[in-house]
Amino acid sequence: MLVAPRCAIIDFQVQTEFAMKWEKNDLVYTILNYSPDLTRDEIREAIAAAFAKWSAVIPLNFKEADQDGDNVDIRIGFYRKYHGDNGPFDGEGGELAHALWPPTGVIHFDDDEKWAYKNEEKILLKKKNKYVYRDLLQTATHEIGHAIGLDHVRRNDSIMKTFYIVSTDSDGRYIEPQLYQFDIETIQARYARKMDTSY
């Protein structure tokens, strides 16, 4: 059976019909450890860019903390296999990451995957018809969607689709992943729209 790369949230936590959301607007995240595939600055930039996609459309603000502490709401890290929670990773090519809904605040990436950021050559590189690298920006944007309360959807016009599909244009060139209109409307229904405060 062919298993496509995917997010593991379905396996990792009990599904619920209740709308999970943060009850405050200012959230703090920290990155506990890093993948050797990218520099610390690249990982921090990718994670910040992923949070920014969501904060551009809803009234949540995300700030990075230098270290873990009681003020941290979302803890992010790169791990292999069993790593102390109920969702051990399966190695390269299967589950890419998982996250927990609010208010738990956990995002884990499988460090057996090869990660890339803003590197079209790596992101589009295939061997034996399979992608070698995973786009950290796309995966982080998806996992943050879970961390702020969204579930998977069965449609291709959503960053919250279960399976990893590289973001490309009609000519097969890499394009930076974005929220789709469906994602924006869904998250705004949960948190409200971002108010324009410019004058």
N, C-alpha and C. Protein backbone atom coordinates (compact mmCIF):
# COMPACT_ATOMS: atom_id res chain seq x y z
N MET A 1 0.84 -1.18 0.00
CA MET A 1 0.00 0.00 0.00
C MET A 1 0.89 1.24 0.00
N LEU A 2 0.63 2.19 -0.89
CA LEU A 2 1.37 3.43 -0.96
C LEU A 2 0.81 4.40 0.06
N VAL A 3 1.68 4.94 0.88
CA VAL A 3 1.26 5.91 1.89
C VAL A 3 1.89 7.25 1.55
N ALA A 4 1.05 8.25 1.28
CA ALA A 4 1.55 9.57 0.95
C ALA A 4 1.95 10.31 2.21
N PRO A 5 2.94 11.21 2.13
CA PRO A 5 3.31 12.01 3.29
C PRO A 5 2.11 12.79 3.79
N ARG A 6 1.96 12.84 5.12
CA ARG A 6 0.76 13.46 5.67
C ARG A 6 1.01 13.96 7.08
N CYS A 7 0.05 14.72 7.53
CA CYS A 7 0.01 15.15 8.92
C CYS A 7 -0.60 14.03 9.74
N ALA A 8 -0.14 13.87 10.98
CA ALA A 8 -0.57 12.74 11.81
C ALA A 8 -1.62 13.10 12.83
N ILE A 9 -2.26 14.25 12.71
CA ILE A 9 -3.20 14.66 13.77
C ILE A 9 -4.36 13.69 13.92
N ILE A 10 -4.80 13.05 12.84
CA ILE A 10 -5.92 12.11 12.94
C ILE A 10 -5.57 10.97 13.89
N ASP A 11 -4.33 10.50 13.82
CA ASP A 11 -3.92 9.38 14.66
C ASP A 11 -3.53 9.83 16.06
N PHE A 12 -3.18 11.08 16.20
CA PHE A 12 -2.52 11.54 17.41
C PHE A 12 -3.47 11.99 18.51
N GLN A 13 -4.65 12.41 18.17
CA GLN A 13 -5.57 12.86 19.21
C GLN A 13 -6.99 12.51 18.83
N VAL A 14 -7.83 12.44 19.81
CA VAL A 14 -9.23 12.10 19.61
C VAL A 14 -9.92 13.24 18.88
N GLN A 15 -10.63 12.91 17.84
CA GLN A 15 -11.38 13.92 17.11
C GLN A 15 -12.52 14.44 17.97
N THR A 16 -12.89 15.67 17.74
CA THR A 16 -13.96 16.28 18.50
C THR A 16 -14.82 17.15 17.60
N GLU A 17 -16.08 17.27 17.94
CA GLU A 17 -16.97 18.14 17.18
C GLU A 17 -16.99 19.54 17.77
N PHE A 18 -16.39 19.72 18.93
CA PHE A 18 -16.39 21.03 19.57
C PHE A 18 -15.31 21.91 18.94
N ALA A 19 -15.64 23.17 18.77
CA ALA A 19 -14.70 24.12 18.20
C ALA A 19 -13.66 24.51 19.24
N MET A 20 -12.43 24.09 19.03
CA MET A 20 -11.34 24.44 19.93
C MET A 20 -10.75 25.77 19.48
N LYS A 21 -10.48 26.64 20.45
CA LYS A 21 -9.87 27.92 20.13
C LYS A 21 -9.15 28.47 21.35
N TRP A 22 -8.24 29.38 21.09
CA TRP A 22 -7.56 30.08 22.17
C TRP A 22 -8.50 31.14 22.73
N GLU A 23 -8.48 31.32 24.02
CA GLU A 23 -9.35 32.30 24.68
C GLU A 23 -8.62 33.61 24.93
N LYS A 24 -7.47 33.78 24.33
CA LYS A 24 -6.74 35.05 24.41
C LYS A 24 -6.15 35.34 23.03
N ASN A 25 -5.80 36.58 22.79
CA ASN A 25 -5.34 36.97 21.46
C ASN A 25 -3.82 37.03 21.32
N ASP A 26 -3.11 37.17 22.42
CA ASP A 26 -1.66 37.27 22.36
C ASP A 26 -1.04 35.95 22.81
N LEU A 27 -0.38 35.28 21.88
CA LEU A 27 0.19 33.95 22.15
C LEU A 27 1.70 33.98 21.98
N VAL A 28 2.36 33.23 22.83
CA VAL A 28 3.82 33.14 22.81
C VAL A 28 4.21 31.73 22.39
N TYR A 29 5.17 31.64 21.46
CA TYR A 29 5.68 30.33 21.05
C TYR A 29 7.19 30.29 21.25
N THR A 30 7.71 29.09 21.36
CA THR A 30 9.16 28.92 21.42
C THR A 30 9.55 27.68 20.62
N ILE A 31 10.74 27.71 20.07
CA ILE A 31 11.29 26.57 19.33
C ILE A 31 12.29 25.89 20.25
N LEU A 32 11.98 24.68 20.66
CA LEU A 32 12.77 23.98 21.67
C LEU A 32 14.05 23.37 21.11
N ASN A 33 14.01 22.94 19.85
CA ASN A 33 15.20 22.38 19.21
C ASN A 33 15.07 22.54 17.70
N TYR A 34 16.12 22.22 16.98
CA TYR A 34 16.19 22.56 15.56
C TYR A 34 16.60 21.35 14.72
N SER A 35 16.19 21.38 13.45
CA SER A 35 16.62 20.36 12.49
C SER A 35 18.00 20.72 11.97
N PRO A 36 18.85 19.71 11.73
CA PRO A 36 20.16 20.00 11.14
C PRO A 36 20.09 20.38 9.66
N ASP A 37 18.92 20.24 9.05
CA ASP A 37 18.78 20.52 7.62
C ASP A 37 18.82 22.00 7.29
N LEU A 38 18.50 22.84 8.27
CA LEU A 38 18.42 24.28 8.06
C LEU A 38 19.14 24.99 9.20
N THR A 39 19.50 26.25 8.96
CA THR A 39 20.10 27.03 10.05
C THR A 39 19.00 27.41 11.04
N ARG A 40 19.41 27.79 12.24
CA ARG A 40 18.44 28.25 13.24
C ARG A 40 17.66 29.45 12.70
N ASP A 41 18.36 30.37 12.04
CA ASP A 41 17.69 31.56 11.51
C ASP A 41 16.66 31.19 10.45
N GLU A 42 16.98 30.23 9.59
CA GLU A 42 16.02 29.80 8.57
C GLU A 42 14.79 29.19 9.21
N ILE A 43 14.98 28.36 10.22
CA ILE A 43 13.84 27.73 10.90
C ILE A 43 13.00 28.78 11.60
N ARG A 44 13.65 29.71 12.30
CA ARG A 44 12.91 30.77 12.99
C ARG A 44 12.13 31.61 12.00
N GLU A 45 12.75 31.93 10.86
CA GLU A 45 12.08 32.72 9.83
C GLU A 45 10.89 31.98 9.25
N ALA A 46 11.05 30.69 8.97
CA ALA A 46 9.96 29.89 8.41
C ALA A 46 8.79 29.81 9.37
N ILE A 47 9.06 29.57 10.65
CA ILE A 47 8.00 29.46 11.65
C ILE A 47 7.30 30.80 11.81
N ALA A 48 8.06 31.89 11.88
CA ALA A 48 7.46 33.23 12.01
C ALA A 48 6.60 33.55 10.80
N ALA A 49 7.07 33.19 9.59
CA ALA A 49 6.29 33.45 8.38
C ALA A 49 5.00 32.65 8.37
N ALA A 50 5.04 31.43 8.87
CA ALA A 50 3.83 30.60 8.94
C ALA A 50 2.82 31.20 9.92
N PHE A 51 3.28 31.63 11.09
CA PHE A 51 2.38 32.29 12.04
C PHE A 51 1.79 33.57 11.43
N ALA A 52 2.61 34.31 10.69
CA ALA A 52 2.16 35.58 10.10
C ALA A 52 1.03 35.38 9.10
N LYS A 53 1.01 34.25 8.41
CA LYS A 53 -0.08 33.99 7.46
C LYS A 53 -1.42 33.95 8.19
N TRP A 54 -1.44 33.36 9.38
CA TRP A 54 -2.69 33.28 10.15
C TRP A 54 -3.00 34.61 10.83
N SER A 55 -2.00 35.26 11.40
CA SER A 55 -2.26 36.51 12.13
C SER A 55 -2.65 37.65 11.18
N ALA A 56 -2.40 37.49 9.89
CA ALA A 56 -2.82 38.51 8.92
C ALA A 56 -4.33 38.54 8.73
N VAL A 57 -5.02 37.45 9.09
CA VAL A 57 -6.45 37.37 8.80
C VAL A 57 -7.33 37.23 10.04
N ILE A 58 -6.73 36.99 11.21
CA ILE A 58 -7.50 36.88 12.46
C ILE A 58 -6.80 37.68 13.56
N PRO A 59 -7.53 38.03 14.62
CA PRO A 59 -6.94 38.87 15.67
C PRO A 59 -6.10 38.10 16.69
N LEU A 60 -5.24 37.22 16.21
CA LEU A 60 -4.26 36.55 17.07
C LEU A 60 -2.88 37.12 16.76
N ASN A 61 -2.13 37.38 17.81
CA ASN A 61 -0.76 37.87 17.66
C ASN A 61 0.19 36.83 18.23
N PHE A 62 1.26 36.54 17.50
CA PHE A 62 2.21 35.51 17.90
C PHE A 62 3.59 36.14 18.11
N LYS A 63 4.19 35.83 19.24
CA LYS A 63 5.51 36.36 19.57
C LYS A 63 6.41 35.21 19.97
N GLU A 64 7.64 35.23 19.46
CA GLU A 64 8.60 34.17 19.81
C GLU A 64 9.30 34.48 21.12
N ALA A 65 9.41 33.48 21.97
CA ALA A 65 10.20 33.58 23.20
C ALA A 65 11.53 32.87 22.98
N ASP A 66 12.59 33.39 23.58
CA ASP A 66 13.92 32.80 23.42
C ASP A 66 14.05 31.44 24.08
N GLN A 67 13.27 31.21 25.12
CA GLN A 67 13.36 29.94 25.85
C GLN A 67 12.00 29.56 26.41
N ASP A 68 11.89 28.31 26.83
CA ASP A 68 10.65 27.80 27.39
C ASP A 68 10.40 28.45 28.76
N GLY A 69 9.13 28.55 29.09
CA GLY A 69 8.76 29.13 30.38
C GLY A 69 7.26 29.08 30.57
N ASP A 70 6.81 29.53 31.72
CA ASP A 70 5.38 29.50 32.02
C ASP A 70 4.55 30.37 31.09
N ASN A 71 5.18 31.37 30.47
CA ASN A 71 4.45 32.27 29.58
C ASN A 71 4.28 31.70 28.17
N VAL A 72 4.90 30.56 27.88
CA VAL A 72 4.85 29.99 26.53
C VAL A 72 3.56 29.22 26.32
N ASP A 73 2.88 29.51 25.21
CA ASP A 73 1.62 28.84 24.88
C ASP A 73 1.82 27.68 23.90
N ILE A 74 2.74 27.84 22.94
CA ILE A 74 2.94 26.84 21.90
C ILE A 74 4.42 26.46 21.85
N ARG A 75 4.69 25.17 22.03
CA ARG A 75 6.07 24.66 22.03
C ARG A 75 6.31 23.86 20.75
N ILE A 76 7.37 24.21 20.05
CA ILE A 76 7.66 23.65 18.74
C ILE A 76 9.00 22.92 18.80
N GLY A 77 9.07 21.75 18.15
CA GLY A 77 10.34 21.03 18.14
C GLY A 77 10.42 20.00 17.03
N PHE A 78 11.62 19.51 16.80
CA PHE A 78 11.91 18.48 15.80
C PHE A 78 12.33 17.22 16.54
N TYR A 79 11.66 16.10 16.23
CA TYR A 79 11.88 14.86 16.98
C TYR A 79 11.89 13.66 16.03
N ARG A 80 12.45 12.55 16.52
CA ARG A 80 12.45 11.30 15.77
C ARG A 80 11.70 10.23 16.55
N LYS A 81 11.03 9.35 15.80
CA LYS A 81 10.38 8.15 16.36
C LYS A 81 9.60 8.47 17.64
N TYR A 82 9.80 7.64 18.69
CA TYR A 82 9.12 7.91 19.95
C TYR A 82 9.83 9.06 20.66
N HIS A 83 9.06 10.06 21.05
CA HIS A 83 9.67 11.25 21.63
C HIS A 83 8.90 11.78 22.85
N GLY A 84 8.24 10.86 23.56
CA GLY A 84 7.65 11.23 24.83
C GLY A 84 6.19 11.61 24.80
N ASP A 85 5.54 11.49 23.65
CA ASP A 85 4.10 11.71 23.60
C ASP A 85 3.43 10.47 23.01
N ASN A 86 2.16 10.54 22.76
CA ASN A 86 1.43 9.37 22.25
C ASN A 86 1.47 9.26 20.73
N GLY A 87 2.32 10.04 20.09
CA GLY A 87 2.38 10.03 18.63
C GLY A 87 3.78 9.86 18.10
N PRO A 88 4.36 8.66 18.24
CA PRO A 88 5.71 8.46 17.71
C PRO A 88 5.72 8.62 16.19
N PHE A 89 6.79 9.20 15.69
CA PHE A 89 6.92 9.35 14.24
C PHE A 89 7.38 8.04 13.62
N ASP A 90 7.17 7.93 12.30
CA ASP A 90 7.42 6.67 11.59
C ASP A 90 8.64 6.70 10.69
N GLY A 91 9.46 7.73 10.80
CA GLY A 91 10.62 7.83 9.92
C GLY A 91 10.28 8.57 8.64
N GLU A 92 11.24 8.66 7.76
CA GLU A 92 11.09 9.46 6.55
C GLU A 92 9.97 8.95 5.65
N GLY A 93 9.18 9.91 5.14
CA GLY A 93 8.22 9.61 4.09
C GLY A 93 6.80 9.34 4.50
N GLY A 94 6.50 9.27 5.76
CA GLY A 94 5.12 9.02 6.19
C GLY A 94 4.54 10.25 6.87
N GLU A 95 4.46 10.19 8.18
CA GLU A 95 3.92 11.33 8.93
C GLU A 95 4.99 12.41 9.03
N LEU A 96 4.62 13.61 8.63
CA LEU A 96 5.58 14.72 8.61
C LEU A 96 5.63 15.48 9.92
N ALA A 97 4.46 15.59 10.56
CA ALA A 97 4.36 16.43 11.75
C ALA A 97 3.05 16.14 12.45
N HIS A 98 2.91 16.66 13.66
CA HIS A 98 1.61 16.65 14.33
C HIS A 98 1.53 17.82 15.29
N ALA A 99 0.30 18.16 15.63
CA ALA A 99 0.06 19.27 16.55
C ALA A 99 -1.16 18.94 17.39
N LEU A 100 -1.30 19.66 18.48
CA LEU A 100 -2.47 19.51 19.34
C LEU A 100 -3.29 20.79 19.32
N TRP A 101 -4.60 20.60 19.43
CA TRP A 101 -5.50 21.75 19.45
C TRP A 101 -5.36 22.54 20.74
N PRO A 102 -5.85 23.78 20.72
CA PRO A 102 -5.83 24.60 21.94
C PRO A 102 -6.58 23.90 23.06
N PRO A 103 -6.16 24.12 24.29
CA PRO A 103 -5.07 25.01 24.70
C PRO A 103 -3.75 24.29 24.95
N THR A 104 -3.55 23.12 24.35
CA THR A 104 -2.34 22.33 24.65
C THR A 104 -1.08 22.98 24.10
N GLY A 105 -1.09 23.43 22.86
CA GLY A 105 0.03 24.19 22.34
C GLY A 105 1.28 23.39 22.05
N VAL A 106 1.19 22.37 21.18
CA VAL A 106 2.33 21.53 20.82
C VAL A 106 2.37 21.38 19.30
N ILE A 107 3.55 21.59 18.72
CA ILE A 107 3.78 21.30 17.30
C ILE A 107 5.10 20.55 17.20
N HIS A 108 5.05 19.33 16.66
CA HIS A 108 6.25 18.50 16.49
C HIS A 108 6.45 18.19 15.01
N PHE A 109 7.68 18.31 14.55
CA PHE A 109 8.06 17.94 13.19
C PHE A 109 8.92 16.69 13.25
N ASP A 110 8.74 15.79 12.26
CA ASP A 110 9.54 14.57 12.20
C ASP A 110 10.94 14.91 11.69
N ASP A 111 11.93 14.75 12.53
CA ASP A 111 13.29 15.11 12.15
C ASP A 111 13.96 14.06 11.27
N ASP A 112 13.28 12.96 10.98
CA ASP A 112 13.78 12.03 9.97
C ASP A 112 13.47 12.52 8.56
N GLU A 113 12.58 13.49 8.44
CA GLU A 113 12.33 14.12 7.14
C GLU A 113 13.47 15.08 6.83
N LYS A 114 13.66 15.37 5.55
CA LYS A 114 14.60 16.40 5.13
C LYS A 114 13.79 17.68 4.90
N TRP A 115 14.17 18.76 5.57
CA TRP A 115 13.40 20.00 5.53
C TRP A 115 14.11 21.06 4.69
N ALA A 116 13.32 21.85 3.96
CA ALA A 116 13.84 22.95 3.15
C ALA A 116 12.96 24.17 3.37
N TYR A 117 13.53 25.33 3.11
CA TYR A 117 12.79 26.58 3.25
C TYR A 117 13.25 27.54 2.16
N LYS A 118 12.30 28.01 1.36
CA LYS A 118 12.55 28.98 0.28
C LYS A 118 13.67 28.51 -0.65
N ASN A 119 13.72 27.23 -0.91
CA ASN A 119 14.73 26.66 -1.79
C ASN A 119 14.01 25.79 -2.82
N GLU A 120 13.65 26.42 -3.94
CA GLU A 120 12.85 25.73 -4.95
C GLU A 120 13.52 24.46 -5.45
N GLU A 121 14.83 24.50 -5.64
CA GLU A 121 15.54 23.32 -6.14
C GLU A 121 15.36 22.13 -5.21
N LYS A 122 15.52 22.36 -3.91
CA LYS A 122 15.35 21.26 -2.96
C LYS A 122 13.89 20.83 -2.84
N ILE A 123 12.99 21.81 -2.74
CA ILE A 123 11.58 21.48 -2.52
C ILE A 123 11.00 20.68 -3.68
N LEU A 124 11.49 20.93 -4.90
CA LEU A 124 10.98 20.21 -6.08
C LEU A 124 11.81 18.99 -6.45
N LEU A 125 12.90 18.74 -5.73
CA LEU A 125 13.78 17.61 -6.05
C LEU A 125 13.07 16.28 -5.80
N LYS A 126 13.11 15.41 -6.82
CA LYS A 126 12.51 14.08 -6.70
C LYS A 126 13.56 13.01 -6.96
N LYS A 127 13.42 11.90 -6.25
CA LYS A 127 14.19 10.69 -6.52
C LYS A 127 13.20 9.54 -6.50
N LYS A 128 13.26 8.72 -7.55
CA LYS A 128 12.31 7.61 -7.70
C LYS A 128 10.87 8.10 -7.57
N ASN A 129 10.60 9.26 -8.20
CA ASN A 129 9.27 9.85 -8.27
C ASN A 129 8.72 10.30 -6.91
N LYS A 130 9.59 10.49 -5.93
CA LYS A 130 9.16 10.98 -4.61
C LYS A 130 9.97 12.21 -4.25
N TYR A 131 9.31 13.15 -3.62
CA TYR A 131 10.01 14.35 -3.17
C TYR A 131 11.01 14.00 -2.08
N VAL A 132 12.19 14.58 -2.16
CA VAL A 132 13.25 14.31 -1.19
C VAL A 132 13.10 15.20 0.04
N TYR A 133 12.78 16.47 -0.20
CA TYR A 133 12.66 17.45 0.89
C TYR A 133 11.20 17.82 1.12
N ARG A 134 10.92 18.30 2.32
CA ARG A 134 9.59 18.81 2.67
C ARG A 134 9.70 20.31 2.90
N ASP A 135 8.69 21.02 2.45
CA ASP A 135 8.65 22.47 2.60
C ASP A 135 8.25 22.81 4.04
N LEU A 136 9.19 23.33 4.82
CA LEU A 136 8.90 23.65 6.22
C LEU A 136 7.83 24.72 6.34
N LEU A 137 7.84 25.72 5.46
CA LEU A 137 6.84 26.78 5.54
C LEU A 137 5.43 26.21 5.35
N GLN A 138 5.25 25.37 4.35
CA GLN A 138 3.93 24.78 4.10
C GLN A 138 3.49 23.91 5.27
N THR A 139 4.39 23.06 5.75
CA THR A 139 4.04 22.15 6.83
C THR A 139 3.77 22.91 8.12
N ALA A 140 4.56 23.94 8.41
CA ALA A 140 4.35 24.74 9.62
C ALA A 140 3.03 25.50 9.55
N THR A 141 2.69 26.04 8.39
CA THR A 141 1.42 26.75 8.25
C THR A 141 0.26 25.80 8.52
N HIS A 142 0.34 24.60 8.00
CA HIS A 142 -0.68 23.58 8.24
C HIS A 142 -0.77 23.23 9.72
N GLU A 143 0.37 22.96 10.35
CA GLU A 143 0.35 22.55 11.76
C GLU A 143 -0.11 23.68 12.68
N ILE A 144 0.23 24.90 12.36
CA ILE A 144 -0.27 26.03 13.14
C ILE A 144 -1.79 26.11 13.02
N GLY A 145 -2.32 25.77 11.85
CA GLY A 145 -3.78 25.69 11.71
C GLY A 145 -4.38 24.77 12.75
N HIS A 146 -3.77 23.61 12.96
CA HIS A 146 -4.24 22.71 14.02
C HIS A 146 -4.06 23.34 15.40
N ALA A 147 -2.91 23.96 15.63
CA ALA A 147 -2.60 24.53 16.95
C ALA A 147 -3.54 25.67 17.32
N ILE A 148 -4.21 26.26 16.33
CA ILE A 148 -5.20 27.30 16.63
C ILE A 148 -6.63 26.78 16.47
N GLY A 149 -6.77 25.47 16.22
CA GLY A 149 -8.09 24.86 16.32
C GLY A 149 -8.70 24.25 15.08
N LEU A 150 -8.01 24.24 13.96
CA LEU A 150 -8.60 23.70 12.73
C LEU A 150 -8.27 22.22 12.56
N ASP A 151 -9.21 21.50 11.99
CA ASP A 151 -9.04 20.09 11.69
C ASP A 151 -8.69 19.94 10.21
N HIS A 152 -8.46 18.73 9.78
CA HIS A 152 -8.26 18.45 8.36
C HIS A 152 -9.57 18.64 7.60
N VAL A 153 -9.43 18.94 6.31
CA VAL A 153 -10.58 19.01 5.43
C VAL A 153 -10.30 18.16 4.20
N ARG A 154 -11.36 17.68 3.57
CA ARG A 154 -11.21 16.83 2.38
C ARG A 154 -11.45 17.66 1.13
N ARG A 155 -10.56 18.59 0.92
CA ARG A 155 -10.63 19.42 -0.29
C ARG A 155 -9.22 19.92 -0.59
N ASN A 156 -8.93 20.10 -1.87
CA ASN A 156 -7.59 20.50 -2.26
C ASN A 156 -7.34 22.00 -2.13
N ASP A 157 -8.42 22.79 -2.06
CA ASP A 157 -8.24 24.24 -1.95
C ASP A 157 -8.17 24.66 -0.48
N SER A 158 -7.29 24.01 0.27
CA SER A 158 -7.11 24.33 1.68
C SER A 158 -5.71 23.94 2.12
N ILE A 159 -5.09 24.77 2.93
CA ILE A 159 -3.81 24.42 3.54
C ILE A 159 -3.99 23.29 4.55
N MET A 160 -5.25 23.02 4.94
CA MET A 160 -5.55 22.02 5.96
C MET A 160 -5.89 20.65 5.38
N LYS A 161 -5.60 20.42 4.11
CA LYS A 161 -5.78 19.08 3.55
C LYS A 161 -4.82 18.11 4.26
N THR A 162 -5.22 16.86 4.38
CA THR A 162 -4.46 15.88 5.15
C THR A 162 -3.09 15.59 4.54
N PHE A 163 -3.04 15.47 3.23
CA PHE A 163 -1.81 14.99 2.59
C PHE A 163 -0.96 16.14 2.07
N TYR A 164 0.32 15.95 2.14
CA TYR A 164 1.30 16.95 1.69
C TYR A 164 1.34 16.97 0.17
N ILE A 165 1.05 18.14 -0.39
CA ILE A 165 1.15 18.35 -1.83
C ILE A 165 1.97 19.62 -2.03
N VAL A 166 3.06 19.52 -2.76
CA VAL A 166 3.93 20.67 -2.97
C VAL A 166 3.16 21.78 -3.67
N SER A 167 3.36 23.01 -3.22
CA SER A 167 2.68 24.17 -3.77
C SER A 167 3.38 24.62 -5.05
N THR A 168 2.71 24.43 -6.19
CA THR A 168 3.29 24.79 -7.48
C THR A 168 2.26 25.54 -8.33
N ASP A 169 2.77 26.27 -9.33
CA ASP A 169 1.87 26.92 -10.27
C ASP A 169 1.54 25.95 -11.41
N SER A 170 0.81 26.45 -12.40
CA SER A 170 0.37 25.57 -13.50
C SER A 170 1.53 25.06 -14.34
N ASP A 171 2.69 25.70 -14.26
CA ASP A 171 3.87 25.25 -14.99
C ASP A 171 4.79 24.36 -14.15
N GLY A 172 4.34 24.02 -12.94
CA GLY A 172 5.12 23.15 -12.08
C GLY A 172 6.22 23.84 -11.30
N ARG A 173 6.24 25.18 -11.31
CA ARG A 173 7.23 25.93 -10.53
C ARG A 173 6.73 26.11 -9.10
N TYR A 174 7.66 26.08 -8.17
CA TYR A 174 7.32 26.26 -6.76
C TYR A 174 6.76 27.66 -6.52
N ILE A 175 5.69 27.72 -5.75
CA ILE A 175 5.18 29.00 -5.27
C ILE A 175 5.01 28.91 -3.76
N GLU A 176 5.21 30.03 -3.10
CA GLU A 176 5.09 30.04 -1.65
C GLU A 176 3.67 29.66 -1.25
N PRO A 177 3.51 28.73 -0.34
CA PRO A 177 2.16 28.33 0.08
C PRO A 177 1.43 29.48 0.75
N GLN A 178 0.14 29.55 0.50
CA GLN A 178 -0.72 30.60 1.07
C GLN A 178 -1.97 29.96 1.66
N LEU A 179 -2.64 30.73 2.49
CA LEU A 179 -3.97 30.32 2.92
C LEU A 179 -4.92 30.47 1.75
N TYR A 180 -5.82 29.52 1.60
CA TYR A 180 -6.86 29.63 0.59
C TYR A 180 -8.03 30.40 1.18
N GLN A 181 -8.94 30.85 0.32
CA GLN A 181 -10.11 31.58 0.80
C GLN A 181 -10.91 30.73 1.78
N PHE A 182 -11.00 29.45 1.53
CA PHE A 182 -11.71 28.55 2.45
C PHE A 182 -11.07 28.58 3.83
N ASP A 183 -9.74 28.55 3.91
CA ASP A 183 -9.04 28.60 5.20
C ASP A 183 -9.33 29.90 5.92
N ILE A 184 -9.28 31.00 5.18
CA ILE A 184 -9.52 32.32 5.77
C ILE A 184 -10.93 32.40 6.34
N GLU A 185 -11.91 31.97 5.57
CA GLU A 185 -13.30 32.04 6.03
C GLU A 185 -13.52 31.12 7.23
N THR A 186 -12.91 29.95 7.21
CA THR A 186 -13.09 29.00 8.31
C THR A 186 -12.49 29.52 9.61
N ILE A 187 -11.26 30.05 9.54
CA ILE A 187 -10.63 30.53 10.77
C ILE A 187 -11.26 31.82 11.25
N GLN A 188 -11.75 32.66 10.34
CA GLN A 188 -12.43 33.88 10.76
C GLN A 188 -13.77 33.58 11.41
N ALA A 189 -14.41 32.50 11.01
CA ALA A 189 -15.66 32.10 11.66
C ALA A 189 -15.41 31.70 13.10
N ARG A 190 -14.20 31.25 13.39
CA ARG A 190 -13.85 30.84 14.75
C ARG A 190 -13.35 32.01 15.60
N TYR A 191 -12.54 32.90 15.00
CA TYR A 191 -11.89 33.96 15.78
C TYR A 191 -12.33 35.38 15.41
N ALA A 192 -13.05 35.57 14.36
CA ALA A 192 -13.42 36.89 13.82
C ALA A 192 -12.34 37.36 12.85
N ARG A 193 -12.67 38.42 12.15
CA ARG A 193 -11.74 38.97 11.17
C ARG A 193 -10.73 39.88 11.86
N LYS A 194 -9.58 40.00 11.24
CA LYS A 194 -8.57 40.95 11.72
C LYS A 194 -9.09 42.35 11.41
N MET A 195 -9.11 43.20 12.41
CA MET A 195 -9.58 44.56 12.22
C MET A 195 -8.46 45.40 11.62
N ASP A 196 -8.80 46.23 10.64
CA ASP A 196 -7.83 47.13 10.03
C ASP A 196 -7.65 48.33 10.95
N THR A 197 -6.46 48.49 11.51
CA THR A 197 -6.21 49.59 12.45
C THR A 197 -5.40 50.72 11.80
N SER A 198 -5.19 50.63 10.48
CA SER A 198 -4.44 51.70 9.80
C SER A 198 -5.36 52.89 9.55
N TYR A 199 -4.78 54.07 9.48
CA TYR A 199 -5.56 55.31 9.26
C TYR A 199 -5.12 55.97 8.00
